[in-house]
Amino acid sequence: MGLITKAKNLLTGTKRHLHHDGVRGVQWPVWMVYNELAIRGTNRSFGYQGGNIYNYDWDLLILLDGCRVDLLSEKRDHDIISQAEWGTEFSIAPNSSRFLENTFVDRYGDEISETAYITANPHSEINITRPEPDYLDEVWRYAWDEEIGTTPAHAVTDRAIEAGRETDHDRYIVHYIQPHFPSVPRPDLGSGIELDQIGKSWNNSIWDSLLMGEVELEELWSAYQENLEYVLDDVSTLLSNFESEQVVISADHGNAAGERSFYGHGDYPVREVWEVPWLRTRASDTKSHTPKNYQKGENDDAGDLDERLSALGYK
């Protein structure tokens, strides 16, 4: 993206922030300029960074991508949430790519070698190098849905149930892409992506669409909630078809939704980006669900990695 285009987009975003946040909106352009010039790509945690997930006790770790603590708290009446022991922790990273980079490191090589990782997030191809989990099922490679622009939750659930029944690992990580946008129940909102404009347009996520005035915060939050409800139904299926005494439901990162005039997730000095749910519960395989038999590679022609990451707002 050229300097002139960046400047125009920054001006548009600044006007939007000033409209929504008044004088506080000035914080956003100042931070964006600072972030662009000084700290992009660094590991700035602003005192919020937590520890590696392998420092905690769990047999099954369920990651809800981009799930804010308060968003999940609003669903406390959901069966699986109401039955869990509620808690929070700080993530090791403010986005998926760094979460993977900071999680699968040499220090925890022994634990990683006994881990099964089933993921809907395309960042696994780029950000998992060595050490690599013993069992790596990149569900996005063959179950990606081009129409909705993401990996459906049911595909991850099916693959996780099969892994739990057919393999023997010390730990299992099941990484759903929801409630990260796009919102499956609200396809009309999309995620602000035009694939032919990737690399040219700054407006590349639902949060950018919010700043550009194309969607209101109330509507965005409602779609965010619906996407969480959508994935929680699948988590419920997983918990009743998987055997584990120590289950943790968490997230790789959160999102800013206007706090200190920031939106989305990245190197932001905002607690809501770094704080994640940490719910403890258990799972029991009642054999009530029969997973679909996916053939790996059957949908590998559904678009390249850049398009898949872009559809999620990562490009």
Protein backbone atom coordinates (compact mmCIF):
# COMPACT_ATOMS: atom_id res chain seq x y z
CA MET A 1 0.00 0.00 0.00
CA GLY A 2 1.42 3.38 -0.98
CA LEU A 3 2.07 6.27 1.38
CA ILE A 4 -0.71 8.39 -0.11
CA THR A 5 -3.26 5.57 0.26
CA LYS A 6 -2.16 4.98 3.85
CA ALA A 7 -2.52 8.67 4.60
CA LYS A 8 -6.03 8.78 3.11
CA ASN A 9 -7.11 5.73 5.08
CA LEU A 10 -5.63 7.13 8.27
CA LEU A 11 -7.55 10.38 7.74
CA THR A 12 -10.82 8.51 7.15
CA GLY A 13 -10.28 6.36 10.23
CA THR A 14 -9.42 9.40 12.31
CA LYS A 15 -12.66 11.14 11.32
CA ARG A 16 -14.58 8.01 12.31
CA HIS A 17 -12.83 7.82 15.67
CA LEU A 18 -13.45 11.49 16.40
CA HIS A 19 -17.13 11.01 15.56
CA HIS A 20 -17.45 8.02 17.91
CA ASP A 21 -14.99 8.93 20.66
CA GLY A 22 -14.62 12.68 20.58
CA VAL A 23 -11.23 14.03 21.58
CA ARG A 24 -10.20 10.55 22.76
CA GLY A 25 -10.30 9.52 19.13
CA VAL A 26 -7.02 11.33 18.56
CA GLN A 27 -5.29 8.49 20.42
CA TRP A 28 -5.97 6.14 17.53
CA PRO A 29 -4.12 7.96 14.69
CA VAL A 30 -1.23 8.79 17.00
CA TRP A 31 -0.94 5.13 17.94
CA MET A 32 -1.25 3.92 14.35
CA VAL A 33 1.59 6.18 13.23
CA TYR A 34 3.72 5.10 16.18
CA ASN A 35 2.90 1.46 15.55
CA GLU A 36 3.82 1.78 11.87
CA LEU A 37 7.13 3.51 12.51
CA ALA A 38 8.35 2.01 15.74
CA ILE A 39 6.95 -1.29 16.97
CA ARG A 40 5.24 -3.19 14.13
CA GLY A 41 6.18 -6.88 14.34
CA THR A 42 7.68 -6.64 17.81
CA ASN A 43 6.61 -8.36 21.01
CA ARG A 44 5.21 -5.44 22.97
CA SER A 45 2.99 -6.71 25.78
CA PHE A 46 2.43 -3.54 27.84
CA GLY A 47 2.51 -5.62 31.01
CA TYR A 48 -0.37 -7.85 29.91
CA GLN A 49 1.45 -10.84 28.44
CA GLY A 50 0.73 -14.16 30.12
CA GLY A 51 2.55 -17.48 30.18
CA ASN A 52 2.75 -20.40 27.82
CA ILE A 53 -0.28 -22.72 27.82
CA TYR A 54 2.02 -25.63 28.67
CA ASN A 55 2.58 -24.09 32.09
CA TYR A 56 -1.02 -25.01 32.98
CA ASP A 57 -2.73 -28.32 33.65
CA TRP A 58 -5.11 -29.50 30.95
CA ASP A 59 -5.71 -32.56 28.81
CA LEU A 60 -8.01 -30.86 26.31
CA LEU A 61 -7.59 -27.17 25.49
CA ILE A 62 -10.39 -25.63 23.44
CA LEU A 63 -9.45 -22.32 21.83
CA LEU A 64 -12.17 -19.92 20.69
CA ASP A 65 -10.36 -17.59 18.32
CA GLY A 66 -10.62 -13.92 19.20
CA CYS A 67 -13.04 -14.44 22.09
CA ARG A 68 -13.32 -11.55 24.54
CA VAL A 69 -13.88 -12.32 28.21
CA ASP A 70 -17.03 -10.22 28.45
CA LEU A 71 -18.43 -11.73 25.26
CA LEU A 72 -18.24 -15.22 26.76
CA SER A 73 -19.46 -13.95 30.12
CA GLU A 74 -22.69 -12.86 28.44
CA LYS A 75 -23.32 -16.55 27.68
CA ARG A 76 -23.04 -17.80 31.26
CA ASP A 77 -26.48 -19.37 30.96
CA HIS A 78 -25.26 -21.67 28.18
CA ASP A 79 -25.04 -25.24 29.48
CA ILE A 80 -21.31 -25.70 28.98
CA ILE A 81 -20.49 -22.28 30.43
CA SER A 82 -22.79 -22.56 33.44
CA GLN A 83 -21.25 -25.91 34.38
CA ALA A 84 -17.65 -24.70 34.10
CA GLU A 85 -15.39 -23.13 36.71
CA TRP A 86 -15.02 -19.53 35.56
CA GLY A 87 -11.64 -17.79 35.36
CA THR A 88 -9.43 -15.60 33.19
CA GLU A 89 -5.76 -15.48 32.22
CA PHE A 90 -3.59 -13.33 29.98
CA SER A 91 -2.59 -14.66 26.58
CA ILE A 92 0.99 -15.04 25.49
CA ALA A 93 0.23 -12.95 22.38
CA PRO A 94 -2.24 -10.39 20.97
CA ASN A 95 -2.95 -12.27 17.73
CA SER A 96 -3.03 -15.79 16.30
CA SER A 97 0.29 -15.72 14.49
CA ARG A 98 2.31 -14.74 17.53
CA PHE A 99 0.25 -17.05 19.73
CA LEU A 100 1.45 -19.99 17.66
CA GLU A 101 5.01 -18.67 17.43
CA ASN A 102 5.20 -18.15 21.19
CA THR A 103 3.48 -21.42 22.09
CA PHE A 104 5.28 -24.03 20.00
CA VAL A 105 8.83 -23.32 21.15
CA ASP A 106 11.85 -25.50 21.92
CA ARG A 107 11.46 -25.09 25.68
CA TYR A 108 8.27 -27.16 25.56
CA GLY A 109 9.47 -29.61 22.91
CA ASP A 110 8.75 -32.70 25.00
CA GLU A 111 5.18 -31.61 25.73
CA ILE A 112 4.61 -30.55 22.12
CA SER A 113 5.77 -33.96 20.89
CA GLU A 114 2.90 -35.49 22.87
CA THR A 115 0.28 -33.01 21.64
CA ALA A 116 -2.45 -33.36 19.03
CA TYR A 117 -3.39 -30.01 17.46
CA ILE A 118 -6.59 -29.78 15.43
CA THR A 119 -7.00 -26.32 13.95
CA ALA A 120 -9.28 -24.21 11.76
CA ASN A 121 -6.78 -21.33 11.66
CA PRO A 122 -4.64 -21.03 8.48
CA HIS A 123 -1.81 -19.44 10.44
CA SER A 124 -0.69 -22.95 11.30
CA GLU A 125 1.08 -23.22 7.95
CA ILE A 126 3.14 -20.09 8.49
CA ASN A 127 3.64 -19.93 12.23
CA ILE A 128 4.22 -23.54 13.27
CA THR A 129 7.72 -24.61 12.29
CA ARG A 130 9.72 -26.59 14.85
CA PRO A 131 8.94 -28.11 17.22
CA GLU A 132 5.73 -29.30 15.61
CA PRO A 133 2.89 -31.12 17.41
CA ASP A 134 3.07 -34.89 16.99
CA TYR A 135 -0.42 -34.89 15.45
CA LEU A 136 -1.20 -31.84 13.34
CA ASP A 137 -4.61 -31.72 11.63
CA GLU A 138 -5.00 -28.51 9.65
CA VAL A 139 -8.73 -28.74 9.06
CA TRP A 140 -8.76 -25.49 7.08
CA ARG A 141 -6.82 -27.21 4.28
CA TYR A 142 -9.69 -29.51 3.28
CA ALA A 143 -12.83 -28.22 5.00
CA TRP A 144 -12.65 -24.52 4.13
CA ASP A 145 -16.04 -23.15 3.03
CA GLU A 146 -15.52 -20.60 0.27
CA GLU A 147 -19.10 -19.37 0.48
CA ILE A 148 -18.78 -18.23 4.09
CA GLY A 149 -15.05 -17.57 3.88
CA THR A 150 -13.96 -19.59 6.88
CA THR A 151 -13.67 -23.08 8.38
CA PRO A 152 -17.04 -24.33 9.71
CA ALA A 153 -17.07 -25.31 13.37
CA HIS A 154 -18.63 -28.72 12.71
CA ALA A 155 -15.61 -29.82 10.67
CA VAL A 156 -13.27 -29.04 13.58
CA THR A 157 -15.58 -30.84 16.00
CA ASP A 158 -15.74 -33.95 13.83
CA ARG A 159 -11.99 -34.11 13.41
CA ALA A 160 -11.36 -33.53 17.11
CA ILE A 161 -13.77 -36.27 18.13
CA GLU A 162 -12.11 -38.67 15.73
CA ALA A 163 -8.66 -37.74 17.03
CA GLY A 164 -9.80 -38.29 20.60
CA ARG A 165 -11.17 -41.73 19.81
CA GLU A 166 -8.49 -42.93 17.42
CA THR A 167 -5.23 -41.49 18.80
CA ASP A 168 -3.47 -41.53 22.15
CA HIS A 169 -1.83 -38.25 23.09
CA ASP A 170 -1.11 -36.61 26.41
CA ARG A 171 -2.73 -33.36 25.33
CA TYR A 172 -5.18 -32.18 22.69
CA ILE A 173 -5.63 -28.62 21.43
CA VAL A 174 -8.79 -27.92 19.44
CA HIS A 175 -8.63 -24.50 17.80
CA TYR A 176 -11.93 -23.20 16.41
CA ILE A 177 -11.79 -20.06 14.27
CA GLN A 178 -15.06 -18.68 15.69
CA PRO A 179 -16.12 -16.30 17.18
CA HIS A 180 -13.51 -14.55 15.00
CA PHE A 181 -15.21 -12.91 12.05
CA PRO A 182 -16.67 -13.61 9.56
CA SER A 183 -19.81 -14.36 11.54
CA VAL A 184 -21.28 -17.58 10.15
CA PRO A 185 -24.87 -16.70 11.20
CA ARG A 186 -24.46 -13.23 9.65
CA PRO A 187 -22.93 -13.77 6.19
CA ASP A 188 -24.42 -10.46 5.07
CA LEU A 189 -21.78 -8.64 7.12
CA GLY A 190 -18.87 -10.57 5.66
CA SER A 191 -15.57 -9.35 7.06
CA GLY A 192 -14.92 -6.32 4.91
CA ILE A 193 -12.90 -8.36 2.39
CA GLU A 194 -12.66 -7.94 -1.37
CA LEU A 195 -10.14 -10.54 -2.50
CA ASP A 196 -9.16 -8.65 -5.63
CA GLN A 197 -8.23 -5.68 -3.45
CA ILE A 198 -5.94 -7.57 -1.07
CA GLY A 199 -2.75 -5.60 -0.62
CA LYS A 200 -4.38 -2.47 -2.09
CA SER A 201 -7.16 -1.61 0.34
CA TRP A 202 -6.79 -0.75 4.00
CA ASN A 203 -10.39 -1.79 4.65
CA ASN A 204 -9.69 -5.49 5.25
CA SER A 205 -11.64 -6.54 8.33
CA ILE A 206 -14.96 -6.05 10.07
CA TRP A 207 -13.23 -3.73 12.55
CA ASP A 208 -12.00 -1.56 9.69
CA SER A 209 -15.53 -1.59 8.29
CA LEU A 210 -16.68 -0.26 11.64
CA LEU A 211 -14.15 2.56 11.52
CA MET A 212 -15.14 3.40 7.97
CA GLY A 213 -18.79 3.72 9.02
CA GLU A 214 -19.96 0.71 7.01
CA VAL A 215 -21.32 -1.12 10.08
CA GLU A 216 -22.39 0.07 13.51
CA LEU A 217 -20.85 -1.23 16.72
CA GLU A 218 -24.19 -2.56 18.00
CA GLU A 219 -24.69 -4.65 14.85
CA LEU A 220 -21.09 -5.85 14.91
CA TRP A 221 -21.39 -6.92 18.55
CA SER A 222 -24.64 -8.76 17.85
CA ALA A 223 -23.00 -10.69 15.00
CA TYR A 224 -20.02 -11.40 17.27
CA GLN A 225 -22.40 -12.86 19.88
CA GLU A 226 -24.21 -14.98 17.28
CA ASN A 227 -20.91 -16.35 16.04
CA LEU A 228 -20.00 -17.31 19.61
CA GLU A 229 -23.35 -19.06 20.10
CA TYR A 230 -22.76 -20.90 16.84
CA VAL A 231 -19.40 -22.30 17.96
CA LEU A 232 -20.54 -23.03 21.53
CA ASP A 233 -23.10 -25.47 20.17
CA ASP A 234 -20.24 -27.37 18.56
CA VAL A 235 -18.15 -27.19 21.71
CA SER A 236 -21.08 -28.78 23.51
CA THR A 237 -21.04 -31.64 20.99
CA LEU A 238 -17.30 -32.05 21.48
CA LEU A 239 -17.55 -32.17 25.27
CA SER A 240 -20.13 -34.95 25.12
CA ASN A 241 -18.04 -36.98 22.66
CA PHE A 242 -14.53 -36.67 24.07
CA GLU A 243 -12.98 -38.20 27.19
CA SER A 244 -11.07 -35.75 29.37
CA GLU A 245 -10.94 -34.97 33.08
CA GLN A 246 -9.15 -31.65 32.61
CA VAL A 247 -10.72 -29.45 29.95
CA VAL A 248 -9.93 -25.76 29.56
CA ILE A 249 -11.97 -23.45 27.34
CA SER A 250 -9.97 -20.37 26.41
CA ALA A 251 -8.91 -18.18 23.47
CA ASP A 252 -5.72 -17.33 21.64
CA HIS A 253 -6.42 -13.61 22.07
CA GLY A 254 -9.27 -11.15 22.56
CA ASN A 255 -10.31 -7.99 20.72
CA ALA A 256 -10.53 -4.30 21.38
CA ALA A 257 -13.97 -2.83 20.78
CA GLY A 258 -13.36 0.87 21.35
CA GLU A 259 -11.31 0.71 24.55
CA ARG A 260 -8.81 3.61 24.47
CA SER A 261 -10.07 4.13 20.91
CA PHE A 262 -8.71 0.81 19.61
CA TYR A 263 -10.55 -1.85 17.62
CA GLY A 264 -9.62 -5.40 16.65
CA HIS A 265 -6.44 -7.09 17.80
CA GLY A 266 -2.76 -6.37 17.48
CA ASP A 267 0.01 -4.70 19.46
CA TYR A 268 -2.43 -2.53 21.40
CA PRO A 269 -2.09 -1.33 25.00
CA VAL A 270 -5.57 -2.67 25.75
CA ARG A 271 -6.40 -5.32 28.35
CA GLU A 272 -9.30 -6.67 26.29
CA VAL A 273 -6.88 -7.79 23.55
CA TRP A 274 -4.69 -9.77 25.94
CA GLU A 275 -7.11 -11.10 28.57
CA VAL A 276 -8.79 -14.39 27.67
CA PRO A 277 -11.35 -16.69 29.30
CA TRP A 278 -9.99 -19.65 31.25
CA LEU A 279 -12.85 -22.01 32.05
CA ARG A 280 -12.27 -25.41 33.60
CA THR A 281 -14.64 -28.30 32.99
CA ARG A 282 -14.59 -31.95 31.90
CA ALA A 283 -15.68 -34.03 28.92
CA SER A 284 -17.19 -37.49 28.61
CA ASP A 285 -17.58 -39.52 25.43
CA THR A 286 -21.21 -40.60 25.29
CA LYS A 287 -20.82 -41.76 21.65
CA SER A 288 -23.81 -39.60 20.77
CA HIS A 289 -22.18 -38.16 17.65
CA THR A 290 -20.69 -39.89 14.63
CA PRO A 291 -18.09 -37.70 12.89
CA LYS A 292 -18.23 -37.13 9.16
CA ASN A 293 -15.46 -38.89 7.27
CA TYR A 294 -13.40 -36.08 5.76
CA GLN A 295 -10.90 -36.88 3.05
CA LYS A 296 -7.88 -34.67 3.53
CA GLY A 297 -7.10 -32.73 0.40
CA GLU A 298 -10.61 -32.90 -1.04
CA ASN A 299 -10.99 -29.11 -0.98
CA ASP A 300 -7.39 -28.05 -1.39
CA ASP A 301 -8.35 -26.14 -4.52
CA ALA A 302 -10.75 -23.92 -2.57
CA GLY A 303 -8.36 -20.96 -2.68
CA ASP A 304 -4.80 -20.23 -1.68
CA LEU A 305 -3.53 -19.47 1.80
CA ASP A 306 -3.35 -15.70 1.25
CA GLU A 307 -7.04 -15.60 0.35
CA ARG A 308 -7.98 -17.64 3.41
CA LEU A 309 -5.97 -15.42 5.74
CA SER A 310 -7.38 -12.33 4.05
CA ALA A 311 -10.93 -13.56 4.51
CA LEU A 312 -10.23 -13.62 8.23
CA GLY A 313 -8.77 -10.13 8.20
CA TYR A 314 -5.14 -11.20 8.64
CA LYS A 315 -3.79 -9.66 5.44
